[in-house]
Amino acid sequence: MVGGVVDRLLPPGSLPRYGAAGAFNTAIFGALLVLFSFTTGIGRDDAVRWAMLWGIAWALSSLVAHATHRMFTFHATTGLAWSLSSSIPVFALGLVGSSTTFGMLVNLSSAPLVALTMVNVGAWGVVLWALNRTVVFAHGRSKDEGQDE
């Protein structure tokens, strides 16, 4: 019953469903980023170190994100071996791209880090949704069209 309601409100494979799962994944990412910032004592003006911490937190939370999106977000027509191996370059693109843009945003803007984080995560979320939906999990294809293990 609950699954049917969730599926109606947040259709599998949709950007809103990806966003809901992404909120969970982003909370893990954010917790890691905060933990790392407290343990390193990084200053607001250290854009290079912020980009590095962002990248480390992104890489670790990507493991959780793969599992979350495979189990909740998409109807995967690809095997686990395909989705794991194809998610590596997808999340690597997100890692490099989002770390770079976050470092640039910190360097070029005096906006609060929370605001910069939300903008950056949102922009990269749309890019990663499209790649996860089409390449990693092949959502909506028949099993015959999906990738083999």
N, C-alpha and C. Protein backbone atom coordinates (compact mmCIF):
# COMPACT_ATOMS: atom_id res chain seq x y z
N MET A 1 0.83 -1.19 0.00
CA MET A 1 0.00 0.00 0.00
C MET A 1 0.87 1.26 0.00
N VAL A 2 1.83 1.31 0.92
CA VAL A 2 2.70 2.49 1.00
C VAL A 2 3.49 2.66 -0.28
N GLY A 3 4.00 1.56 -0.83
CA GLY A 3 4.77 1.64 -2.07
C GLY A 3 3.95 2.21 -3.21
N GLY A 4 2.66 1.85 -3.28
CA GLY A 4 1.80 2.38 -4.33
C GLY A 4 1.59 3.87 -4.20
N VAL A 5 1.43 4.35 -2.97
CA VAL A 5 1.26 5.79 -2.73
C VAL A 5 2.54 6.53 -3.11
N VAL A 6 3.68 6.01 -2.67
CA VAL A 6 4.96 6.63 -2.99
C VAL A 6 5.16 6.65 -4.51
N ASP A 7 4.84 5.52 -5.17
CA ASP A 7 5.01 5.45 -6.62
C ASP A 7 4.10 6.44 -7.35
N ARG A 8 2.91 6.67 -6.81
CA ARG A 8 2.01 7.65 -7.44
C ARG A 8 2.51 9.08 -7.22
N LEU A 9 2.95 9.38 -6.01
CA LEU A 9 3.41 10.73 -5.70
C LEU A 9 4.79 11.02 -6.30
N LEU A 10 5.64 10.02 -6.28
CA LEU A 10 7.01 10.14 -6.79
C LEU A 10 7.26 8.97 -7.75
N PRO A 11 6.85 9.12 -9.01
CA PRO A 11 7.00 8.00 -9.95
C PRO A 11 8.46 7.53 -10.07
N PRO A 12 8.66 6.21 -10.12
CA PRO A 12 10.02 5.68 -10.27
C PRO A 12 10.72 6.29 -11.48
N GLY A 13 11.97 6.66 -11.28
CA GLY A 13 12.78 7.23 -12.35
C GLY A 13 12.61 8.72 -12.53
N SER A 14 11.62 9.32 -11.87
CA SER A 14 11.36 10.76 -12.05
C SER A 14 12.38 11.61 -11.30
N LEU A 15 12.51 12.85 -11.75
CA LEU A 15 13.40 13.78 -11.06
C LEU A 15 12.96 14.04 -9.62
N PRO A 16 11.63 14.16 -9.35
CA PRO A 16 11.23 14.33 -7.93
C PRO A 16 11.62 13.14 -7.05
N ARG A 17 11.50 11.91 -7.57
CA ARG A 17 11.89 10.74 -6.79
C ARG A 17 13.40 10.73 -6.58
N TYR A 18 14.14 11.08 -7.63
CA TYR A 18 15.59 11.18 -7.52
C TYR A 18 15.95 12.23 -6.46
N GLY A 19 15.19 13.33 -6.45
CA GLY A 19 15.43 14.38 -5.46
C GLY A 19 15.16 13.91 -4.05
N ALA A 20 14.11 13.10 -3.87
CA ALA A 20 13.80 12.57 -2.54
C ALA A 20 14.92 11.66 -2.05
N ALA A 21 15.36 10.75 -2.92
CA ALA A 21 16.48 9.88 -2.56
C ALA A 21 17.75 10.72 -2.39
N GLY A 22 17.88 11.71 -3.25
CA GLY A 22 19.04 12.59 -3.18
C GLY A 22 19.11 13.38 -1.88
N ALA A 23 17.95 13.70 -1.32
CA ALA A 23 17.94 14.41 -0.03
C ALA A 23 18.60 13.55 1.05
N PHE A 24 18.29 12.26 1.04
CA PHE A 24 18.92 11.32 1.98
C PHE A 24 20.43 11.26 1.72
N ASN A 25 20.80 11.08 0.44
CA ASN A 25 22.21 10.99 0.09
C ASN A 25 22.95 12.29 0.41
N THR A 26 22.28 13.41 0.16
CA THR A 26 22.90 14.71 0.44
C THR A 26 23.08 14.93 1.93
N ALA A 27 22.16 14.41 2.73
CA ALA A 27 22.32 14.52 4.19
C ALA A 27 23.58 13.78 4.64
N ILE A 28 23.83 12.62 4.05
CA ILE A 28 25.05 11.88 4.38
C ILE A 28 26.27 12.66 3.91
N PHE A 29 26.20 13.16 2.69
CA PHE A 29 27.29 13.98 2.15
C PHE A 29 27.54 15.20 3.05
N GLY A 30 26.47 15.89 3.42
CA GLY A 30 26.59 17.09 4.26
C GLY A 30 27.19 16.77 5.62
N ALA A 31 26.76 15.67 6.20
CA ALA A 31 27.31 15.27 7.50
C ALA A 31 28.81 15.02 7.39
N LEU A 32 29.22 14.36 6.31
CA LEU A 32 30.65 14.13 6.11
C LEU A 32 31.40 15.44 5.92
N LEU A 33 30.82 16.34 5.13
CA LEU A 33 31.47 17.62 4.87
C LEU A 33 31.63 18.42 6.17
N VAL A 34 30.60 18.45 6.99
CA VAL A 34 30.67 19.16 8.27
C VAL A 34 31.70 18.50 9.18
N LEU A 35 31.66 17.17 9.26
CA LEU A 35 32.63 16.44 10.08
C LEU A 35 34.06 16.77 9.65
N PHE A 36 34.29 16.70 8.34
CA PHE A 36 35.63 16.99 7.84
C PHE A 36 36.04 18.44 8.10
N SER A 37 35.08 19.37 7.98
CA SER A 37 35.43 20.77 8.20
C SER A 37 35.79 21.02 9.66
N PHE A 38 35.08 20.37 10.58
CA PHE A 38 35.40 20.54 12.00
C PHE A 38 36.72 19.88 12.36
N THR A 39 36.98 18.70 11.79
CA THR A 39 38.20 17.99 12.17
C THR A 39 39.45 18.59 11.53
N THR A 40 39.29 19.33 10.42
CA THR A 40 40.47 19.93 9.79
C THR A 40 40.67 21.38 10.18
N GLY A 41 39.65 22.03 10.73
CA GLY A 41 39.75 23.44 11.11
C GLY A 41 39.90 24.38 9.92
N ILE A 42 39.36 24.00 8.79
CA ILE A 42 39.48 24.79 7.57
C ILE A 42 38.82 26.16 7.71
N GLY A 43 39.43 27.17 7.11
CA GLY A 43 38.88 28.52 7.15
C GLY A 43 37.99 28.79 5.94
N ARG A 44 37.12 29.77 6.05
CA ARG A 44 36.17 30.11 4.98
C ARG A 44 36.88 30.50 3.69
N ASP A 45 38.06 31.09 3.78
CA ASP A 45 38.75 31.61 2.61
C ASP A 45 39.66 30.59 1.92
N ASP A 46 39.67 29.36 2.35
CA ASP A 46 40.55 28.34 1.77
C ASP A 46 39.81 27.51 0.73
N ALA A 47 39.61 28.09 -0.46
CA ALA A 47 38.79 27.47 -1.51
C ALA A 47 39.37 26.13 -1.98
N VAL A 48 40.68 26.02 -2.06
CA VAL A 48 41.29 24.78 -2.53
C VAL A 48 41.03 23.63 -1.56
N ARG A 49 41.21 23.88 -0.28
CA ARG A 49 40.95 22.83 0.71
C ARG A 49 39.46 22.50 0.78
N TRP A 50 38.58 23.51 0.62
CA TRP A 50 37.13 23.23 0.58
C TRP A 50 36.80 22.33 -0.59
N ALA A 51 37.40 22.57 -1.74
CA ALA A 51 37.14 21.73 -2.91
C ALA A 51 37.64 20.30 -2.66
N MET A 52 38.78 20.17 -1.98
CA MET A 52 39.30 18.83 -1.66
C MET A 52 38.39 18.10 -0.69
N LEU A 53 37.95 18.78 0.37
CA LEU A 53 37.04 18.15 1.32
C LEU A 53 35.71 17.78 0.65
N TRP A 54 35.24 18.66 -0.21
CA TRP A 54 34.02 18.38 -0.97
C TRP A 54 34.20 17.08 -1.76
N GLY A 55 35.32 16.94 -2.42
CA GLY A 55 35.58 15.75 -3.23
C GLY A 55 35.64 14.47 -2.42
N ILE A 56 36.25 14.51 -1.27
CA ILE A 56 36.34 13.33 -0.41
C ILE A 56 34.94 12.94 0.08
N ALA A 57 34.18 13.91 0.54
CA ALA A 57 32.82 13.63 1.01
C ALA A 57 31.94 13.11 -0.13
N TRP A 58 32.11 13.68 -1.31
CA TRP A 58 31.34 13.26 -2.49
C TRP A 58 31.65 11.80 -2.84
N ALA A 59 32.92 11.45 -2.86
CA ALA A 59 33.31 10.09 -3.22
C ALA A 59 32.73 9.07 -2.24
N LEU A 60 32.82 9.35 -0.96
CA LEU A 60 32.30 8.42 0.04
C LEU A 60 30.77 8.31 -0.03
N SER A 61 30.10 9.43 -0.19
CA SER A 61 28.64 9.38 -0.23
C SER A 61 28.11 8.81 -1.54
N SER A 62 28.93 8.75 -2.57
CA SER A 62 28.52 8.15 -3.85
C SER A 62 28.26 6.65 -3.71
N LEU A 63 28.96 5.99 -2.82
CA LEU A 63 28.71 4.57 -2.58
C LEU A 63 27.30 4.35 -2.04
N VAL A 64 26.91 5.20 -1.11
CA VAL A 64 25.55 5.14 -0.56
C VAL A 64 24.54 5.50 -1.63
N ALA A 65 24.86 6.51 -2.44
CA ALA A 65 23.94 6.96 -3.48
C ALA A 65 23.65 5.86 -4.50
N HIS A 66 24.65 5.10 -4.88
CA HIS A 66 24.42 4.01 -5.84
C HIS A 66 23.38 3.05 -5.29
N ALA A 67 23.56 2.63 -4.06
CA ALA A 67 22.63 1.66 -3.46
C ALA A 67 21.24 2.26 -3.33
N THR A 68 21.15 3.50 -2.89
CA THR A 68 19.86 4.16 -2.72
C THR A 68 19.11 4.24 -4.06
N HIS A 69 19.81 4.67 -5.09
CA HIS A 69 19.14 4.83 -6.39
C HIS A 69 18.81 3.47 -7.02
N ARG A 70 19.62 2.48 -6.79
CA ARG A 70 19.32 1.15 -7.34
C ARG A 70 18.09 0.55 -6.66
N MET A 71 17.98 0.73 -5.34
CA MET A 71 16.88 0.10 -4.60
C MET A 71 15.60 0.94 -4.61
N PHE A 72 15.70 2.27 -4.64
CA PHE A 72 14.53 3.11 -4.45
C PHE A 72 14.14 3.93 -5.69
N THR A 73 15.11 4.53 -6.36
CA THR A 73 14.79 5.53 -7.37
C THR A 73 14.40 4.94 -8.71
N PHE A 74 15.16 4.00 -9.20
CA PHE A 74 14.99 3.51 -10.56
C PHE A 74 14.56 2.04 -10.58
N HIS A 75 13.87 1.67 -11.65
CA HIS A 75 13.65 0.26 -11.95
C HIS A 75 14.81 -0.14 -12.84
N ALA A 76 15.85 -0.63 -12.22
CA ALA A 76 17.07 -0.94 -12.95
C ALA A 76 16.85 -2.11 -13.89
N THR A 77 17.23 -1.92 -15.14
CA THR A 77 17.20 -3.02 -16.10
C THR A 77 18.62 -3.50 -16.38
N THR A 78 19.57 -2.92 -15.69
CA THR A 78 20.95 -3.35 -15.81
C THR A 78 21.30 -4.24 -14.63
N GLY A 79 22.26 -5.09 -14.83
CA GLY A 79 22.74 -5.93 -13.74
C GLY A 79 23.58 -5.11 -12.76
N LEU A 80 23.81 -5.69 -11.60
CA LEU A 80 24.58 -5.01 -10.57
C LEU A 80 26.00 -4.70 -11.04
N ALA A 81 26.62 -5.64 -11.74
CA ALA A 81 27.98 -5.41 -12.22
C ALA A 81 28.03 -4.20 -13.15
N TRP A 82 27.05 -4.09 -14.05
CA TRP A 82 27.01 -2.95 -14.97
C TRP A 82 26.78 -1.65 -14.19
N SER A 83 25.78 -1.65 -13.30
CA SER A 83 25.46 -0.39 -12.62
C SER A 83 26.61 0.08 -11.73
N LEU A 84 27.27 -0.85 -11.07
CA LEU A 84 28.42 -0.45 -10.24
C LEU A 84 29.56 0.08 -11.10
N SER A 85 29.89 -0.64 -12.17
CA SER A 85 31.02 -0.22 -12.99
C SER A 85 30.71 1.05 -13.78
N SER A 86 29.49 1.22 -14.24
CA SER A 86 29.17 2.44 -14.99
C SER A 86 28.92 3.63 -14.08
N SER A 87 28.59 3.37 -12.82
CA SER A 87 28.39 4.50 -11.91
C SER A 87 29.72 5.15 -11.52
N ILE A 88 30.81 4.42 -11.61
CA ILE A 88 32.11 4.99 -11.24
C ILE A 88 32.45 6.21 -12.10
N PRO A 89 32.41 6.11 -13.44
CA PRO A 89 32.71 7.32 -14.22
C PRO A 89 31.64 8.41 -14.07
N VAL A 90 30.39 8.01 -13.87
CA VAL A 90 29.34 9.01 -13.69
C VAL A 90 29.57 9.80 -12.40
N PHE A 91 29.82 9.08 -11.30
CA PHE A 91 30.07 9.78 -10.05
C PHE A 91 31.43 10.48 -10.06
N ALA A 92 32.39 9.96 -10.82
CA ALA A 92 33.69 10.64 -10.96
C ALA A 92 33.50 11.98 -11.67
N LEU A 93 32.66 11.99 -12.71
CA LEU A 93 32.35 13.25 -13.38
C LEU A 93 31.71 14.22 -12.39
N GLY A 94 30.77 13.72 -11.61
CA GLY A 94 30.13 14.55 -10.59
C GLY A 94 31.12 15.02 -9.54
N LEU A 95 32.03 14.14 -9.16
CA LEU A 95 33.06 14.49 -8.17
C LEU A 95 33.95 15.62 -8.68
N VAL A 96 34.51 15.45 -9.86
CA VAL A 96 35.42 16.46 -10.41
C VAL A 96 34.66 17.75 -10.73
N GLY A 97 33.52 17.60 -11.39
CA GLY A 97 32.75 18.78 -11.77
C GLY A 97 32.24 19.56 -10.57
N SER A 98 31.64 18.86 -9.62
CA SER A 98 31.07 19.58 -8.47
C SER A 98 32.15 20.13 -7.55
N SER A 99 33.27 19.43 -7.43
CA SER A 99 34.37 19.95 -6.61
C SER A 99 34.93 21.22 -7.23
N THR A 100 35.07 21.20 -8.55
CA THR A 100 35.59 22.37 -9.26
C THR A 100 34.63 23.55 -9.14
N THR A 101 33.35 23.30 -9.42
CA THR A 101 32.40 24.41 -9.36
C THR A 101 32.23 24.91 -7.92
N PHE A 102 32.30 24.02 -6.93
CA PHE A 102 32.18 24.48 -5.55
C PHE A 102 33.37 25.35 -5.17
N GLY A 103 34.57 24.92 -5.53
CA GLY A 103 35.76 25.74 -5.27
C GLY A 103 35.66 27.10 -5.94
N MET A 104 35.15 27.12 -7.19
CA MET A 104 34.97 28.39 -7.90
C MET A 104 33.93 29.26 -7.21
N LEU A 105 32.81 28.66 -6.79
CA LEU A 105 31.77 29.42 -6.11
C LEU A 105 32.29 30.03 -4.81
N VAL A 106 33.06 29.24 -4.05
CA VAL A 106 33.62 29.75 -2.79
C VAL A 106 34.57 30.90 -3.08
N ASN A 107 35.37 30.75 -4.12
CA ASN A 107 36.35 31.76 -4.47
C ASN A 107 35.71 33.05 -5.01
N LEU A 108 34.64 32.91 -5.78
CA LEU A 108 34.04 34.06 -6.47
C LEU A 108 32.88 34.71 -5.74
N SER A 109 32.38 34.08 -4.68
CA SER A 109 31.19 34.58 -4.02
C SER A 109 31.41 34.70 -2.52
N SER A 110 30.75 35.66 -1.93
CA SER A 110 30.79 35.79 -0.48
C SER A 110 29.52 35.23 0.16
N ALA A 111 28.70 34.55 -0.65
CA ALA A 111 27.46 33.95 -0.14
C ALA A 111 27.79 32.90 0.91
N PRO A 112 26.86 32.63 1.82
CA PRO A 112 27.09 31.58 2.83
C PRO A 112 27.37 30.22 2.17
N LEU A 113 28.22 29.45 2.81
CA LEU A 113 28.57 28.14 2.27
C LEU A 113 27.35 27.25 2.08
N VAL A 114 26.38 27.36 2.96
CA VAL A 114 25.17 26.55 2.84
C VAL A 114 24.45 26.88 1.53
N ALA A 115 24.34 28.14 1.19
CA ALA A 115 23.69 28.55 -0.06
C ALA A 115 24.48 28.04 -1.27
N LEU A 116 25.78 28.18 -1.24
CA LEU A 116 26.61 27.70 -2.34
C LEU A 116 26.50 26.19 -2.49
N THR A 117 26.43 25.49 -1.37
CA THR A 117 26.28 24.03 -1.39
C THR A 117 24.95 23.65 -2.03
N MET A 118 23.87 24.33 -1.67
CA MET A 118 22.56 23.99 -2.21
C MET A 118 22.51 24.22 -3.72
N VAL A 119 23.06 25.32 -4.19
CA VAL A 119 23.09 25.61 -5.62
C VAL A 119 23.91 24.56 -6.36
N ASN A 120 25.07 24.25 -5.83
CA ASN A 120 25.97 23.30 -6.48
C ASN A 120 25.38 21.89 -6.50
N VAL A 121 24.84 21.44 -5.39
CA VAL A 121 24.24 20.11 -5.32
C VAL A 121 23.04 20.02 -6.26
N GLY A 122 22.22 21.05 -6.30
CA GLY A 122 21.05 21.05 -7.18
C GLY A 122 21.43 20.96 -8.65
N ALA A 123 22.38 21.76 -9.07
CA ALA A 123 22.80 21.75 -10.47
C ALA A 123 23.39 20.40 -10.87
N TRP A 124 24.27 19.88 -10.03
CA TRP A 124 24.87 18.59 -10.35
C TRP A 124 23.88 17.44 -10.18
N GLY A 125 22.89 17.61 -9.33
CA GLY A 125 21.86 16.59 -9.17
C GLY A 125 21.10 16.34 -10.46
N VAL A 126 20.78 17.37 -11.20
CA VAL A 126 20.06 17.22 -12.47
C VAL A 126 20.94 16.47 -13.49
N VAL A 127 22.19 16.83 -13.57
CA VAL A 127 23.12 16.16 -14.49
C VAL A 127 23.24 14.68 -14.13
N LEU A 128 23.43 14.39 -12.86
CA LEU A 128 23.61 13.00 -12.43
C LEU A 128 22.33 12.19 -12.55
N TRP A 129 21.17 12.80 -12.33
CA TRP A 129 19.89 12.11 -12.54
C TRP A 129 19.80 11.62 -13.98
N ALA A 130 20.10 12.49 -14.93
CA ALA A 130 20.00 12.12 -16.34
C ALA A 130 20.96 10.98 -16.68
N LEU A 131 22.17 11.04 -16.18
CA LEU A 131 23.14 9.97 -16.47
C LEU A 131 22.79 8.67 -15.76
N ASN A 132 22.35 8.74 -14.51
CA ASN A 132 21.94 7.53 -13.80
C ASN A 132 20.73 6.88 -14.46
N ARG A 133 19.78 7.70 -14.84
CA ARG A 133 18.54 7.18 -15.46
C ARG A 133 18.83 6.48 -16.78
N THR A 134 19.68 7.08 -17.62
CA THR A 134 19.89 6.54 -18.96
C THR A 134 21.03 5.54 -19.07
N VAL A 135 22.14 5.81 -18.41
CA VAL A 135 23.34 4.98 -18.57
C VAL A 135 23.47 3.92 -17.48
N VAL A 136 23.43 4.33 -16.23
CA VAL A 136 23.74 3.43 -15.12
C VAL A 136 22.65 2.39 -14.90
N PHE A 137 21.40 2.84 -14.81
CA PHE A 137 20.31 1.93 -14.46
C PHE A 137 19.38 1.62 -15.63
N ALA A 138 19.50 2.34 -16.75
CA ALA A 138 18.67 2.15 -17.95
C ALA A 138 17.19 2.04 -17.57
N HIS A 139 16.74 2.99 -16.76
CA HIS A 139 15.36 3.00 -16.27
C HIS A 139 14.37 3.01 -17.43
N GLY A 140 13.39 2.15 -17.34
CA GLY A 140 12.31 2.14 -18.33
C GLY A 140 12.53 1.27 -19.53
N ARG A 141 13.73 0.81 -19.75
CA ARG A 141 13.98 -0.12 -20.85
C ARG A 141 13.50 -1.49 -20.44
N SER A 142 13.22 -2.31 -21.43
CA SER A 142 12.88 -3.70 -21.10
C SER A 142 14.17 -4.40 -20.68
N LYS A 143 14.03 -5.49 -19.96
CA LYS A 143 15.22 -6.25 -19.52
C LYS A 143 16.07 -6.66 -20.72
N ASP A 144 15.43 -6.92 -21.87
CA ASP A 144 16.18 -7.32 -23.06
C ASP A 144 17.05 -6.20 -23.60
N GLU A 145 16.64 -4.94 -23.35
CA GLU A 145 17.41 -3.79 -23.81
C GLU A 145 18.50 -3.39 -22.82
N GLY A 146 18.41 -3.87 -21.57
CA GLY A 146 19.38 -3.50 -20.54
C GLY A 146 20.73 -4.13 -20.78
N GLN A 147 21.71 -3.72 -20.00
CA GLN A 147 23.06 -4.26 -20.11
C GLN A 147 23.16 -5.57 -19.37
N ASP A 148 24.01 -6.44 -19.87
CA ASP A 148 24.27 -7.71 -19.19
C ASP A 148 25.14 -7.47 -17.99
N GLU A 149 25.11 -8.44 -17.07
CA GLU A 149 26.02 -8.40 -15.91
C GLU A 149 27.39 -8.56 -16.47
